[in-house]
Amino acid sequence: MNQLVRPPRASTPNLPALVATSGEQAARRFLEFFASNIRNRNTRIAYSHAVGLFLAWCEEYGVPSLGDVQPLHVAAWLELEAQTASAPTVKQRLAAIRHLFDWLVVGQVVPVNPAGSVRGPKHIVRKGKTPVLEPVEARALLDSIDVTTPIGLRDRALIGLMVYSFARIGAALSMKVEDIYSERRWLWVRLREKGGKRHEMPCHHNLETYLTAYLEKTGIADDPKGPLFRTIGLACKRGRRRTP
């Protein structure tokens, strides 16, 4: 069994030259950073790209090994990156270098993190990318929905939920019927946000009206484990009440 799991050698293919020349422990720790320390696939891809660019530049600059990387190297590389990349991209690449060398410091591959003292470019967002409706605009939008149909009832409930609770569209669409419940004579909503966090809040009286009408007139209240916002064909099929 031990013969099947071997530590990576300094000559492991596809390793950056700077890592390969730093020894087997460095190579192993480097691979573990991407394989076991970063679980998000998109983050792994972005960090791998940033680290590859930086280590290739260090090799071209003449840095012999990981232990010889200095804050000056990191700062100089960031200055070059800032000439062609946006500030958020440069900050993300700096974060990748910092996290990698933190991991190498803990693994006793390098003594200090050369990126720890390097500051990234300033990036101030003065206007959000997501437009926010004014109260008058939100009211006009809600009032324009035809609620004589199941589709209109659903759309008004969904838009009303996002307007009155500031819920993300992803959190709203992942709700189940049982996430609408009564407590202390109020109707409450339960949202599941990023990172598994749950957020529970009482409904605004308008939102209570929208949700109650949607649940009752489509009949999906009888399906508590089902999705709250569903295609209308599925809603009518599963939520239709049986007549005795």
C-alpha atoms as a PDB file:
ATOM      1  CA  MET A   1       0.000   0.000   0.000  1.00  0.00           C
ATOM      2  CA  ASN A   2       2.795   2.404   0.865  1.00  0.00           C
ATOM      3  CA  GLN A   3       4.277   1.797  -2.551  1.00  0.00           C
ATOM      4  CA  LEU A   4       1.146   3.214  -4.176  1.00  0.00           C
ATOM      5  CA  VAL A   5       1.379   6.579  -2.417  1.00  0.00           C
ATOM      6  CA  ARG A   6       4.722   8.203  -3.023  1.00  0.00           C
ATOM      7  CA  PRO A   7       5.747  11.755  -2.288  1.00  0.00           C
ATOM      8  CA  PRO A   8       6.246  13.908  -5.376  1.00  0.00           C
ATOM      9  CA  ARG A   9       9.802  14.145  -6.565  1.00  0.00           C
ATOM     10  CA  ALA A  10      11.508  17.388  -7.381  1.00  0.00           C
ATOM     11  CA  SER A  11      11.306  16.369 -11.058  1.00  0.00           C
ATOM     12  CA  THR A  12       7.504  15.924 -11.020  1.00  0.00           C
ATOM     13  CA  PRO A  13       6.145  17.057 -14.435  1.00  0.00           C
ATOM     14  CA  ASN A  14       4.125  20.273 -14.677  1.00  0.00           C
ATOM     15  CA  LEU A  15       5.609  21.734 -11.510  1.00  0.00           C
ATOM     16  CA  PRO A  16       6.994  25.266 -11.868  1.00  0.00           C
ATOM     17  CA  ALA A  17      10.766  25.179 -12.117  1.00  0.00           C
ATOM     18  CA  LEU A  18      11.090  27.299  -8.979  1.00  0.00           C
ATOM     19  CA  VAL A  19       9.172  24.668  -7.014  1.00  0.00           C
ATOM     20  CA  ALA A  20      10.958  21.710  -8.556  1.00  0.00           C
ATOM     21  CA  THR A  21      14.363  23.103  -7.611  1.00  0.00           C
ATOM     22  CA  SER A  22      13.256  23.684  -4.007  1.00  0.00           C
ATOM     23  CA  GLY A  23      13.123  19.991  -3.074  1.00  0.00           C
ATOM     24  CA  GLU A  24      10.583  17.227  -2.496  1.00  0.00           C
ATOM     25  CA  GLN A  25       9.050  18.795   0.605  1.00  0.00           C
ATOM     26  CA  ALA A  26       8.369  22.017  -1.286  1.00  0.00           C
ATOM     27  CA  ALA A  27       6.888  20.107  -4.227  1.00  0.00           C
ATOM     28  CA  ARG A  28       4.604  18.099  -1.967  1.00  0.00           C
ATOM     29  CA  ARG A  29       3.469  21.151  -0.025  1.00  0.00           C
ATOM     30  CA  PHE A  30       2.874  23.068  -3.243  1.00  0.00           C
ATOM     31  CA  LEU A  31       0.614  20.356  -4.651  1.00  0.00           C
ATOM     32  CA  GLU A  32      -1.244  20.014  -1.349  1.00  0.00           C
ATOM     33  CA  PHE A  33      -2.043  23.739  -1.412  1.00  0.00           C
ATOM     34  CA  PHE A  34      -4.183  23.298  -4.519  1.00  0.00           C
ATOM     35  CA  ALA A  35      -5.362  19.729  -3.893  1.00  0.00           C
ATOM     36  CA  SER A  36      -6.458  19.901  -0.257  1.00  0.00           C
ATOM     37  CA  ASN A  37      -6.380  23.511   0.927  1.00  0.00           C
ATOM     38  CA  ILE A  38      -8.573  25.091  -1.779  1.00  0.00           C
ATOM     39  CA  ARG A  39     -11.931  23.376  -2.194  1.00  0.00           C
ATOM     40  CA  ASN A  40     -13.645  25.820  -4.551  1.00  0.00           C
ATOM     41  CA  ARG A  41     -12.897  24.914  -8.172  1.00  0.00           C
ATOM     42  CA  ASN A  42     -13.090  28.466  -9.505  1.00  0.00           C
ATOM     43  CA  THR A  43     -10.777  29.738  -6.768  1.00  0.00           C
ATOM     44  CA  ARG A  44      -8.361  26.923  -7.489  1.00  0.00           C
ATOM     45  CA  ILE A  45      -8.230  27.821 -11.175  1.00  0.00           C
ATOM     46  CA  ALA A  46      -7.748  31.541 -10.488  1.00  0.00           C
ATOM     47  CA  TYR A  47      -5.050  30.950  -7.852  1.00  0.00           C
ATOM     48  CA  SER A  48      -3.245  28.433 -10.044  1.00  0.00           C
ATOM     49  CA  HIS A  49      -3.136  30.939 -12.885  1.00  0.00           C
ATOM     50  CA  ALA A  50      -1.851  33.738 -10.640  1.00  0.00           C
ATOM     51  CA  VAL A  51       0.788  31.572  -8.979  1.00  0.00           C
ATOM     52  CA  GLY A  52       1.945  30.247 -12.348  1.00  0.00           C
ATOM     53  CA  LEU A  53       2.402  33.760 -13.684  1.00  0.00           C
ATOM     54  CA  PHE A  54       4.327  34.895 -10.620  1.00  0.00           C
ATOM     55  CA  LEU A  55       6.655  31.903 -10.410  1.00  0.00           C
ATOM     56  CA  ALA A  56       7.381  32.070 -14.144  1.00  0.00           C
ATOM     57  CA  TRP A  57       8.299  35.736 -13.747  1.00  0.00           C
ATOM     58  CA  CYS A  58      10.552  34.913 -10.772  1.00  0.00           C
ATOM     59  CA  GLU A  59      12.315  32.226 -12.778  1.00  0.00           C
ATOM     60  CA  GLU A  60      12.859  34.638 -15.654  1.00  0.00           C
ATOM     61  CA  TYR A  61      14.115  37.268 -13.206  1.00  0.00           C
ATOM     62  CA  GLY A  62      16.680  34.781 -11.880  1.00  0.00           C
ATOM     63  CA  VAL A  63      15.242  33.819  -8.472  1.00  0.00           C
ATOM     64  CA  PRO A  64      16.799  30.383  -7.729  1.00  0.00           C
ATOM     65  CA  SER A  65      14.213  28.906  -5.311  1.00  0.00           C
ATOM     66  CA  LEU A  66      11.050  29.588  -3.295  1.00  0.00           C
ATOM     67  CA  GLY A  67      13.103  30.496  -0.254  1.00  0.00           C
ATOM     68  CA  ASP A  68      14.814  33.268  -2.187  1.00  0.00           C
ATOM     69  CA  VAL A  69      11.600  35.112  -3.102  1.00  0.00           C
ATOM     70  CA  GLN A  70      11.642  38.547  -1.449  1.00  0.00           C
ATOM     71  CA  PRO A  71       8.967  41.238  -0.897  1.00  0.00           C
ATOM     72  CA  LEU A  72      10.716  43.294  -3.585  1.00  0.00           C
ATOM     73  CA  HIS A  73      10.036  40.550  -6.130  1.00  0.00           C
ATOM     74  CA  VAL A  74       6.339  40.449  -5.230  1.00  0.00           C
ATOM     75  CA  ALA A  75       6.032  44.243  -5.359  1.00  0.00           C
ATOM     76  CA  ALA A  76       7.824  44.501  -8.709  1.00  0.00           C
ATOM     77  CA  TRP A  77       5.659  41.795 -10.238  1.00  0.00           C
ATOM     78  CA  LEU A  78       2.477  43.512  -9.022  1.00  0.00           C
ATOM     79  CA  GLU A  79       3.612  46.778 -10.601  1.00  0.00           C
ATOM     80  CA  LEU A  80       3.981  45.014 -13.935  1.00  0.00           C
ATOM     81  CA  GLU A  81       0.605  43.292 -13.568  1.00  0.00           C
ATOM     82  CA  ALA A  82      -1.086  46.597 -12.779  1.00  0.00           C
ATOM     83  CA  GLN A  83      -0.095  47.893 -16.222  1.00  0.00           C
ATOM     84  CA  THR A  84      -2.366  45.409 -17.988  1.00  0.00           C
ATOM     85  CA  ALA A  85      -4.787  44.082 -15.353  1.00  0.00           C
ATOM     86  CA  SER A  86      -7.531  45.791 -13.334  1.00  0.00           C
ATOM     87  CA  ALA A  87      -7.098  46.599  -9.644  1.00  0.00           C
ATOM     88  CA  PRO A  88      -9.463  43.795  -8.481  1.00  0.00           C
ATOM     89  CA  THR A  89      -7.534  41.288 -10.598  1.00  0.00           C
ATOM     90  CA  VAL A  90      -4.199  42.420  -9.181  1.00  0.00           C
ATOM     91  CA  LYS A  91      -5.575  42.213  -5.638  1.00  0.00           C
ATOM     92  CA  GLN A  92      -6.829  38.688  -6.296  1.00  0.00           C
ATOM     93  CA  ARG A  93      -3.424  37.631  -7.617  1.00  0.00           C
ATOM     94  CA  LEU A  94      -1.715  39.110  -4.590  1.00  0.00           C
ATOM     95  CA  ALA A  95      -4.118  37.143  -2.380  1.00  0.00           C
ATOM     96  CA  ALA A  96      -3.151  33.955  -4.228  1.00  0.00           C
ATOM     97  CA  ILE A  97       0.565  34.580  -3.622  1.00  0.00           C
ATOM     98  CA  ARG A  98      -0.043  35.433   0.054  1.00  0.00           C
ATOM     99  CA  HIS A  99      -2.109  32.312   0.696  1.00  0.00           C
ATOM    100  CA  LEU A 100       0.411  30.080  -1.059  1.00  0.00           C
ATOM    101  CA  PHE A 101       3.359  31.383   0.950  1.00  0.00           C
ATOM    102  CA  ASP A 102       1.350  31.250   4.184  1.00  0.00           C
ATOM    103  CA  TRP A 103       0.830  27.581   3.418  1.00  0.00           C
ATOM    104  CA  LEU A 104       4.533  27.114   2.686  1.00  0.00           C
ATOM    105  CA  VAL A 105       5.525  28.884   5.911  1.00  0.00           C
ATOM    106  CA  VAL A 106       3.285  26.577   7.966  1.00  0.00           C
ATOM    107  CA  GLY A 107       4.823  23.609   6.157  1.00  0.00           C
ATOM    108  CA  GLN A 108       8.311  24.906   7.006  1.00  0.00           C
ATOM    109  CA  VAL A 109       9.263  25.206   3.346  1.00  0.00           C
ATOM    110  CA  VAL A 110      10.104  28.920   3.588  1.00  0.00           C
ATOM    111  CA  PRO A 111      10.893  30.954   6.732  1.00  0.00           C
ATOM    112  CA  VAL A 112       8.666  33.992   6.052  1.00  0.00           C
ATOM    113  CA  ASN A 113       5.910  35.082   3.686  1.00  0.00           C
ATOM    114  CA  PRO A 114       7.434  37.555   1.189  1.00  0.00           C
ATOM    115  CA  ALA A 115       3.957  38.774   0.163  1.00  0.00           C
ATOM    116  CA  GLY A 116       2.805  39.484   3.694  1.00  0.00           C
ATOM    117  CA  SER A 117       4.136  43.036   3.791  1.00  0.00           C
ATOM    118  CA  VAL A 118       3.233  43.952   0.208  1.00  0.00           C
ATOM    119  CA  ARG A 119       0.173  46.144  -0.221  1.00  0.00           C
ATOM    120  CA  GLY A 120      -2.141  45.762  -3.186  1.00  0.00           C
ATOM    121  CA  PRO A 121      -3.632  48.567  -5.267  1.00  0.00           C
ATOM    122  CA  LYS A 122      -6.517  50.585  -3.870  1.00  0.00           C
ATOM    123  CA  HIS A 123      -9.898  49.769  -5.298  1.00  0.00           C
ATOM    124  CA  ILE A 124     -12.926  51.753  -4.157  1.00  0.00           C
ATOM    125  CA  VAL A 125     -16.387  50.925  -5.480  1.00  0.00           C
ATOM    126  CA  ARG A 126     -18.439  54.100  -5.362  1.00  0.00           C
ATOM    127  CA  LYS A 127     -21.451  52.677  -7.154  1.00  0.00           C
ATOM    128  CA  GLY A 128     -22.756  49.154  -6.901  1.00  0.00           C
ATOM    129  CA  LYS A 129     -23.135  47.057 -10.014  1.00  0.00           C
ATOM    130  CA  THR A 130     -26.583  45.802  -9.024  1.00  0.00           C
ATOM    131  CA  PRO A 131     -29.298  48.416  -9.674  1.00  0.00           C
ATOM    132  CA  VAL A 132     -31.732  49.013  -6.817  1.00  0.00           C
ATOM    133  CA  LEU A 133     -35.339  49.939  -7.487  1.00  0.00           C
ATOM    134  CA  GLU A 134     -36.725  53.070  -5.909  1.00  0.00           C
ATOM    135  CA  PRO A 135     -39.883  52.528  -3.792  1.00  0.00           C
ATOM    136  CA  VAL A 136     -42.068  54.113  -6.470  1.00  0.00           C
ATOM    137  CA  GLU A 137     -40.509  51.906  -9.153  1.00  0.00           C
ATOM    138  CA  ALA A 138     -40.936  48.768  -7.039  1.00  0.00           C
ATOM    139  CA  ARG A 139     -44.590  49.608  -6.403  1.00  0.00           C
ATOM    140  CA  ALA A 140     -45.205  50.251 -10.100  1.00  0.00           C
ATOM    141  CA  LEU A 141     -43.590  46.933 -11.001  1.00  0.00           C
ATOM    142  CA  LEU A 142     -45.628  44.946  -8.466  1.00  0.00           C
ATOM    143  CA  ASP A 143     -48.872  46.660  -9.445  1.00  0.00           C
ATOM    144  CA  SER A 144     -48.260  45.941 -13.131  1.00  0.00           C
ATOM    145  CA  ILE A 145     -48.305  42.154 -12.643  1.00  0.00           C
ATOM    146  CA  ASP A 146     -51.486  40.378 -13.734  1.00  0.00           C
ATOM    147  CA  VAL A 147     -52.430  38.374 -10.624  1.00  0.00           C
ATOM    148  CA  THR A 148     -55.465  36.734 -12.191  1.00  0.00           C
ATOM    149  CA  THR A 149     -53.201  33.859 -13.275  1.00  0.00           C
ATOM    150  CA  PRO A 150     -51.004  31.450 -11.272  1.00  0.00           C
ATOM    151  CA  ILE A 151     -47.962  32.793 -13.119  1.00  0.00           C
ATOM    152  CA  GLY A 152     -48.730  36.338 -12.011  1.00  0.00           C
ATOM    153  CA  LEU A 153     -49.284  35.254  -8.415  1.00  0.00           C
ATOM    154  CA  ARG A 154     -45.949  33.468  -8.419  1.00  0.00           C
ATOM    155  CA  ASP A 155     -44.058  36.346 -10.014  1.00  0.00           C
ATOM    156  CA  ARG A 156     -45.564  38.906  -7.642  1.00  0.00           C
ATOM    157  CA  ALA A 157     -44.659  36.731  -4.635  1.00  0.00           C
ATOM    158  CA  LEU A 158     -41.091  36.234  -5.878  1.00  0.00           C
ATOM    159  CA  ILE A 159     -40.469  39.885  -6.714  1.00  0.00           C
ATOM    160  CA  GLY A 160     -42.163  40.982  -3.495  1.00  0.00           C
ATOM    161  CA  LEU A 161     -39.916  38.660  -1.502  1.00  0.00           C
ATOM    162  CA  MET A 162     -36.781  40.185  -3.015  1.00  0.00           C
ATOM    163  CA  VAL A 163     -38.082  43.742  -2.590  1.00  0.00           C
ATOM    164  CA  TYR A 164     -39.169  43.438   1.049  1.00  0.00           C
ATOM    165  CA  SER A 165     -36.487  41.042   2.337  1.00  0.00           C
ATOM    166  CA  PHE A 166     -33.521  42.000   0.069  1.00  0.00           C
ATOM    167  CA  ALA A 167     -33.086  38.277  -0.558  1.00  0.00           C
ATOM    168  CA  ARG A 168     -30.668  37.077  -3.221  1.00  0.00           C
ATOM    169  CA  ILE A 169     -32.358  35.462  -6.195  1.00  0.00           C
ATOM    170  CA  GLY A 170     -30.451  32.246  -5.461  1.00  0.00           C
ATOM    171  CA  ALA A 171     -31.697  32.164  -1.870  1.00  0.00           C
ATOM    172  CA  ALA A 172     -35.266  32.888  -2.966  1.00  0.00           C
ATOM    173  CA  LEU A 173     -35.329  30.179  -5.634  1.00  0.00           C
ATOM    174  CA  SER A 174     -33.930  27.573  -3.221  1.00  0.00           C
ATOM    175  CA  MET A 175     -36.788  28.080  -0.744  1.00  0.00           C
ATOM    176  CA  LYS A 176     -39.283  25.327  -0.004  1.00  0.00           C
ATOM    177  CA  VAL A 177     -42.963  25.770   0.799  1.00  0.00           C
ATOM    178  CA  GLU A 178     -42.230  24.993   4.466  1.00  0.00           C
ATOM    179  CA  ASP A 179     -39.937  28.023   4.584  1.00  0.00           C
ATOM    180  CA  ILE A 180     -43.102  30.129   4.786  1.00  0.00           C
ATOM    181  CA  TYR A 181     -44.546  29.628   8.266  1.00  0.00           C
ATOM    182  CA  SER A 182     -46.581  31.365  10.955  1.00  0.00           C
ATOM    183  CA  GLU A 183     -45.172  32.372  14.313  1.00  0.00           C
ATOM    184  CA  ARG A 184     -46.635  34.736  16.908  1.00  0.00           C
ATOM    185  CA  ARG A 185     -49.456  35.664  14.529  1.00  0.00           C
ATOM    186  CA  TRP A 186     -46.948  36.781  11.885  1.00  0.00           C
ATOM    187  CA  LEU A 187     -46.002  35.130   8.635  1.00  0.00           C
ATOM    188  CA  TRP A 188     -42.254  34.440   8.532  1.00  0.00           C
ATOM    189  CA  VAL A 189     -39.814  33.536   5.767  1.00  0.00           C
ATOM    190  CA  ARG A 190     -36.714  31.385   6.136  1.00  0.00           C
ATOM    191  CA  LEU A 191     -33.822  32.072   3.764  1.00  0.00           C
ATOM    192  CA  ARG A 192     -30.687  29.990   3.302  1.00  0.00           C
ATOM    193  CA  GLU A 193     -27.807  32.261   2.431  1.00  0.00           C
ATOM    194  CA  LYS A 194     -24.235  31.565   1.347  1.00  0.00           C
ATOM    195  CA  GLY A 195     -22.134  29.428   3.647  1.00  0.00           C
ATOM    196  CA  GLY A 196     -25.169  27.543   4.973  1.00  0.00           C
ATOM    197  CA  LYS A 197     -26.358  30.511   7.034  1.00  0.00           C
ATOM    198  CA  ARG A 198     -30.084  30.677   7.798  1.00  0.00           C
ATOM    199  CA  HIS A 199     -31.905  33.982   7.994  1.00  0.00           C
ATOM    200  CA  GLU A 200     -35.443  34.142   9.387  1.00  0.00           C
ATOM    201  CA  MET A 201     -37.549  37.287   9.397  1.00  0.00           C
ATOM    202  CA  PRO A 202     -41.210  38.347   9.728  1.00  0.00           C
ATOM    203  CA  CYS A 203     -42.949  39.410   6.522  1.00  0.00           C
ATOM    204  CA  HIS A 204     -43.980  42.921   5.628  1.00  0.00           C
ATOM    205  CA  HIS A 205     -47.785  43.014   5.453  1.00  0.00           C
ATOM    206  CA  ASN A 206     -47.689  43.422   1.673  1.00  0.00           C
ATOM    207  CA  LEU A 207     -45.371  40.456   1.298  1.00  0.00           C
ATOM    208  CA  GLU A 208     -47.638  38.416   3.574  1.00  0.00           C
ATOM    209  CA  THR A 209     -50.540  39.189   1.239  1.00  0.00           C
ATOM    210  CA  TYR A 210     -48.548  38.174  -1.849  1.00  0.00           C
ATOM    211  CA  LEU A 211     -47.264  34.901  -0.388  1.00  0.00           C
ATOM    212  CA  THR A 212     -50.602  33.891   1.120  1.00  0.00           C
ATOM    213  CA  ALA A 213     -52.440  34.478  -2.152  1.00  0.00           C
ATOM    214  CA  TYR A 214     -49.824  32.505  -4.083  1.00  0.00           C
ATOM    215  CA  LEU A 215     -49.889  29.541  -1.690  1.00  0.00           C
ATOM    216  CA  GLU A 216     -53.654  29.340  -1.414  1.00  0.00           C
ATOM    217  CA  LYS A 217     -54.668  29.899  -5.032  1.00  0.00           C
ATOM    218  CA  THR A 218     -52.092  27.508  -6.508  1.00  0.00           C
ATOM    219  CA  GLY A 219     -52.657  24.864  -3.837  1.00  0.00           C
ATOM    220  CA  ILE A 220     -48.950  24.230  -3.245  1.00  0.00           C
ATOM    221  CA  ALA A 221     -49.389  24.712   0.514  1.00  0.00           C
ATOM    222  CA  ASP A 222     -50.169  20.974   0.606  1.00  0.00           C
ATOM    223  CA  ASP A 223     -46.622  20.217  -0.585  1.00  0.00           C
ATOM    224  CA  PRO A 224     -44.398  21.591   2.239  1.00  0.00           C
ATOM    225  CA  LYS A 225     -41.248  19.795   1.065  1.00  0.00           C
ATOM    226  CA  GLY A 226     -41.616  20.992  -2.501  1.00  0.00           C
ATOM    227  CA  PRO A 227     -40.010  24.095  -4.028  1.00  0.00           C
ATOM    228  CA  LEU A 228     -41.754  27.349  -3.263  1.00  0.00           C
ATOM    229  CA  PHE A 229     -41.204  28.960  -6.643  1.00  0.00           C
ATOM    230  CA  ARG A 230     -41.770  26.396  -9.368  1.00  0.00           C
ATOM    231  CA  THR A 231     -42.930  26.163 -12.949  1.00  0.00           C
ATOM    232  CA  ILE A 232     -46.649  26.748 -13.026  1.00  0.00           C
ATOM    233  CA  GLY A 233     -47.422  23.463 -14.772  1.00  0.00           C
ATOM    234  CA  LEU A 234     -45.649  21.605 -11.980  1.00  0.00           C
ATOM    235  CA  ALA A 235     -47.261  23.790  -9.330  1.00  0.00           C
ATOM    236  CA  CYS A 236     -50.772  23.119 -10.568  1.00  0.00           C
ATOM    237  CA  LYS A 237     -50.144  19.411 -11.034  1.00  0.00           C
ATOM    238  CA  ARG A 238     -48.647  18.805  -7.584  1.00  0.00           C
ATOM    239  CA  GLY A 239     -50.541  21.433  -5.650  1.00  0.00           C
ATOM    240  CA  ARG A 240     -54.088  20.804  -6.934  1.00  0.00           C
ATOM    241  CA  ARG A 241     -56.371  19.916  -4.064  1.00  0.00           C
ATOM    242  CA  ARG A 242     -58.324  16.715  -4.376  1.00  0.00           C
ATOM    243  CA  THR A 243     -62.073  17.082  -4.177  1.00  0.00           C
ATOM    244  CA  PRO A 244     -63.901  14.430  -2.128  1.00  0.00           C
END
